[in-house]
Amino acid sequence: MARVCQVTGKKPITGNKVSHSNIKTKRRFLPNLQTKRYFLAEEDKWVTIKVSSEAIRTINKNGLFSVVKQLRAEV
């Protein structure tokens, strides 16, 4: 499975690792992804999604049902 947040769409970005002697080599910055199980009360079922820590805060603020409804509208 890809390292992409299913809510926010965050994915790895590239940058430079800089040593003490200022030598630059390529590296990847990975998003802070968590696999979470949420209970969707409106449909009476469990939903497993891969979300970033920012998306967990968005779900806590807006509610799971509104976030799922928004995701289904995009597809």
N, C-alpha and C. Protein backbone atom coordinates (compact mmCIF):
# COMPACT_ATOMS: atom_id res chain seq x y z
N MET A 1 0.83 -1.18 0.00
CA MET A 1 0.00 0.00 0.00
C MET A 1 0.88 1.25 0.00
N ALA A 2 0.45 2.27 -0.71
CA ALA A 2 1.25 3.48 -0.84
C ALA A 2 1.27 4.27 0.47
N ARG A 3 2.29 5.07 0.64
CA ARG A 3 2.41 5.92 1.83
C ARG A 3 1.70 7.24 1.57
N VAL A 4 0.37 7.17 1.43
CA VAL A 4 -0.44 8.35 1.14
C VAL A 4 -1.60 8.39 2.11
N CYS A 5 -1.86 9.56 2.66
CA CYS A 5 -3.00 9.74 3.56
C CYS A 5 -4.28 9.72 2.72
N GLN A 6 -5.28 8.95 3.17
CA GLN A 6 -6.51 8.82 2.42
C GLN A 6 -7.43 10.02 2.59
N VAL A 7 -7.18 10.86 3.58
CA VAL A 7 -8.03 12.03 3.81
C VAL A 7 -7.40 13.28 3.22
N THR A 8 -6.16 13.57 3.59
CA THR A 8 -5.52 14.81 3.16
C THR A 8 -4.70 14.65 1.88
N GLY A 9 -4.34 13.43 1.52
CA GLY A 9 -3.54 13.21 0.32
C GLY A 9 -2.06 13.46 0.51
N LYS A 10 -1.61 13.59 1.76
CA LYS A 10 -0.19 13.80 2.02
C LYS A 10 0.61 12.59 1.57
N LYS A 11 1.78 12.85 0.96
CA LYS A 11 2.65 11.77 0.51
C LYS A 11 4.10 12.18 0.73
N PRO A 12 5.04 11.24 0.55
CA PRO A 12 6.45 11.58 0.80
C PRO A 12 6.94 12.69 -0.13
N ILE A 13 7.82 13.54 0.43
CA ILE A 13 8.48 14.56 -0.37
C ILE A 13 9.98 14.34 -0.27
N THR A 14 10.73 14.91 -1.21
CA THR A 14 12.17 14.72 -1.21
C THR A 14 12.86 16.00 -0.78
N GLY A 15 14.06 15.82 -0.28
CA GLY A 15 14.87 16.94 0.15
C GLY A 15 16.31 16.49 0.30
N ASN A 16 17.10 17.29 0.98
CA ASN A 16 18.50 16.97 1.16
C ASN A 16 18.81 16.67 2.62
N LYS A 17 19.64 15.66 2.81
CA LYS A 17 20.24 15.41 4.12
C LYS A 17 21.56 16.16 4.10
N VAL A 18 21.76 17.04 5.05
CA VAL A 18 22.95 17.88 5.06
C VAL A 18 23.84 17.46 6.22
N SER A 19 25.07 17.06 5.90
CA SER A 19 26.00 16.61 6.93
C SER A 19 26.67 17.81 7.59
N HIS A 20 27.47 17.52 8.59
CA HIS A 20 28.21 18.57 9.29
C HIS A 20 29.16 19.30 8.34
N SER A 21 29.70 18.56 7.36
CA SER A 21 30.62 19.17 6.40
C SER A 21 29.88 19.76 5.19
N ASN A 22 28.55 19.88 5.31
CA ASN A 22 27.69 20.51 4.30
C ASN A 22 27.59 19.71 3.01
N ILE A 23 27.82 18.39 3.08
CA ILE A 23 27.61 17.52 1.91
C ILE A 23 26.13 17.17 1.86
N LYS A 24 25.53 17.33 0.69
CA LYS A 24 24.10 17.10 0.54
C LYS A 24 23.82 15.80 -0.20
N THR A 25 23.00 14.95 0.36
CA THR A 25 22.55 13.72 -0.28
C THR A 25 21.03 13.69 -0.21
N LYS A 26 20.42 13.06 -1.20
CA LYS A 26 18.96 13.02 -1.27
C LYS A 26 18.38 12.15 -0.17
N ARG A 27 17.20 12.54 0.33
CA ARG A 27 16.48 11.76 1.32
C ARG A 27 14.99 11.99 1.13
N ARG A 28 14.18 11.17 1.80
CA ARG A 28 12.72 11.31 1.72
C ARG A 28 12.17 11.69 3.09
N PHE A 29 11.23 12.62 3.08
CA PHE A 29 10.48 12.97 4.27
C PHE A 29 9.14 12.26 4.19
N LEU A 30 8.89 11.31 5.09
CA LEU A 30 7.66 10.53 5.06
C LEU A 30 6.59 11.18 5.94
N PRO A 31 5.33 11.12 5.52
CA PRO A 31 4.27 11.66 6.37
C PRO A 31 4.04 10.75 7.57
N ASN A 32 3.51 11.32 8.64
CA ASN A 32 3.24 10.58 9.86
C ASN A 32 1.91 9.85 9.70
N LEU A 33 1.95 8.65 9.10
CA LEU A 33 0.73 7.89 8.82
C LEU A 33 0.44 6.89 9.92
N GLN A 34 -0.83 6.76 10.23
CA GLN A 34 -1.33 5.80 11.20
C GLN A 34 -2.47 5.02 10.57
N THR A 35 -2.56 3.73 10.85
CA THR A 35 -3.71 2.95 10.42
C THR A 35 -4.72 2.96 11.56
N LYS A 36 -5.90 3.53 11.30
CA LYS A 36 -6.90 3.72 12.36
C LYS A 36 -8.20 3.01 11.98
N ARG A 37 -8.85 2.45 13.00
CA ARG A 37 -10.18 1.88 12.84
C ARG A 37 -11.18 2.82 13.50
N TYR A 38 -12.17 3.23 12.74
CA TYR A 38 -13.23 4.09 13.26
C TYR A 38 -14.57 3.37 13.10
N PHE A 39 -15.47 3.60 14.04
CA PHE A 39 -16.81 3.04 13.94
C PHE A 39 -17.71 4.09 13.32
N LEU A 40 -18.27 3.76 12.16
CA LEU A 40 -19.17 4.65 11.44
C LEU A 40 -20.58 4.33 11.90
N ALA A 41 -21.10 5.12 12.83
CA ALA A 41 -22.38 4.81 13.49
C ALA A 41 -23.56 4.88 12.51
N GLU A 42 -23.50 5.78 11.53
CA GLU A 42 -24.61 5.93 10.59
C GLU A 42 -24.81 4.69 9.73
N GLU A 43 -23.71 3.97 9.45
CA GLU A 43 -23.80 2.75 8.64
C GLU A 43 -23.61 1.49 9.48
N ASP A 44 -23.38 1.65 10.78
CA ASP A 44 -23.23 0.55 11.74
C ASP A 44 -22.14 -0.43 11.32
N LYS A 45 -20.96 0.13 10.96
CA LYS A 45 -19.83 -0.73 10.59
C LYS A 45 -18.52 -0.04 10.93
N TRP A 46 -17.44 -0.84 11.00
CA TRP A 46 -16.10 -0.34 11.25
C TRP A 46 -15.43 0.00 9.93
N VAL A 47 -14.66 1.07 9.93
CA VAL A 47 -13.93 1.52 8.74
C VAL A 47 -12.47 1.64 9.12
N THR A 48 -11.58 1.00 8.34
CA THR A 48 -10.14 1.11 8.55
C THR A 48 -9.56 2.01 7.47
N ILE A 49 -8.89 3.07 7.90
CA ILE A 49 -8.28 4.00 6.95
C ILE A 49 -6.86 4.32 7.39
N LYS A 50 -6.04 4.68 6.41
CA LYS A 50 -4.66 5.09 6.67
C LYS A 50 -4.63 6.61 6.60
N VAL A 51 -4.41 7.24 7.77
CA VAL A 51 -4.51 8.69 7.87
C VAL A 51 -3.27 9.29 8.53
N SER A 52 -3.01 10.55 8.20
CA SER A 52 -1.93 11.27 8.84
C SER A 52 -2.42 11.82 10.17
N SER A 53 -1.49 12.31 10.97
CA SER A 53 -1.87 12.86 12.27
C SER A 53 -2.73 14.11 12.10
N GLU A 54 -2.52 14.86 11.04
CA GLU A 54 -3.35 16.03 10.75
C GLU A 54 -4.78 15.60 10.41
N ALA A 55 -4.91 14.50 9.69
CA ALA A 55 -6.24 14.01 9.32
C ALA A 55 -7.00 13.49 10.53
N ILE A 56 -6.29 12.92 11.51
CA ILE A 56 -6.94 12.46 12.75
C ILE A 56 -7.54 13.66 13.47
N ARG A 57 -6.83 14.76 13.49
CA ARG A 57 -7.35 15.98 14.12
C ARG A 57 -8.55 16.53 13.34
N THR A 58 -8.51 16.43 12.01
CA THR A 58 -9.63 16.89 11.18
C THR A 58 -10.86 16.04 11.45
N ILE A 59 -10.69 14.73 11.59
CA ILE A 59 -11.81 13.84 11.88
C ILE A 59 -12.38 14.14 13.27
N ASN A 60 -11.51 14.41 14.25
CA ASN A 60 -11.99 14.77 15.58
C ASN A 60 -12.78 16.07 15.57
N LYS A 61 -12.38 17.02 14.73
CA LYS A 61 -13.03 18.32 14.69
C LYS A 61 -14.34 18.28 13.92
N ASN A 62 -14.33 17.70 12.72
CA ASN A 62 -15.49 17.75 11.83
C ASN A 62 -16.42 16.55 11.97
N GLY A 63 -15.93 15.47 12.53
CA GLY A 63 -16.73 14.25 12.63
C GLY A 63 -16.41 13.30 11.50
N LEU A 64 -16.48 12.01 11.81
CA LEU A 64 -16.12 10.99 10.83
C LEU A 64 -17.08 10.96 9.65
N PHE A 65 -18.37 11.08 9.91
CA PHE A 65 -19.35 10.94 8.84
C PHE A 65 -19.19 12.04 7.80
N SER A 66 -18.93 13.28 8.22
CA SER A 66 -18.77 14.37 7.26
C SER A 66 -17.50 14.19 6.43
N VAL A 67 -16.43 13.66 7.05
CA VAL A 67 -15.19 13.44 6.31
C VAL A 67 -15.38 12.31 5.29
N VAL A 68 -16.06 11.23 5.69
CA VAL A 68 -16.31 10.11 4.77
C VAL A 68 -17.21 10.56 3.63
N LYS A 69 -18.21 11.38 3.93
CA LYS A 69 -19.12 11.88 2.90
C LYS A 69 -18.37 12.74 1.89
N GLN A 70 -17.44 13.54 2.40
CA GLN A 70 -16.61 14.39 1.52
C GLN A 70 -15.69 13.54 0.63
N LEU A 71 -15.11 12.46 1.20
CA LEU A 71 -14.25 11.57 0.42
C LEU A 71 -15.03 10.87 -0.68
N ARG A 72 -16.24 10.42 -0.35
CA ARG A 72 -17.07 9.74 -1.36
C ARG A 72 -17.51 10.68 -2.46
N ALA A 73 -17.68 11.96 -2.16
CA ALA A 73 -18.07 12.94 -3.18
C ALA A 73 -16.93 13.19 -4.16
N GLU A 74 -15.69 13.09 -3.69
CA GLU A 74 -14.54 13.32 -4.56
C GLU A 74 -14.33 12.18 -5.55
N VAL A 75 -14.73 10.97 -5.18
CA VAL A 75 -14.50 9.80 -6.04
C VAL A 75 -15.56 9.65 -7.07
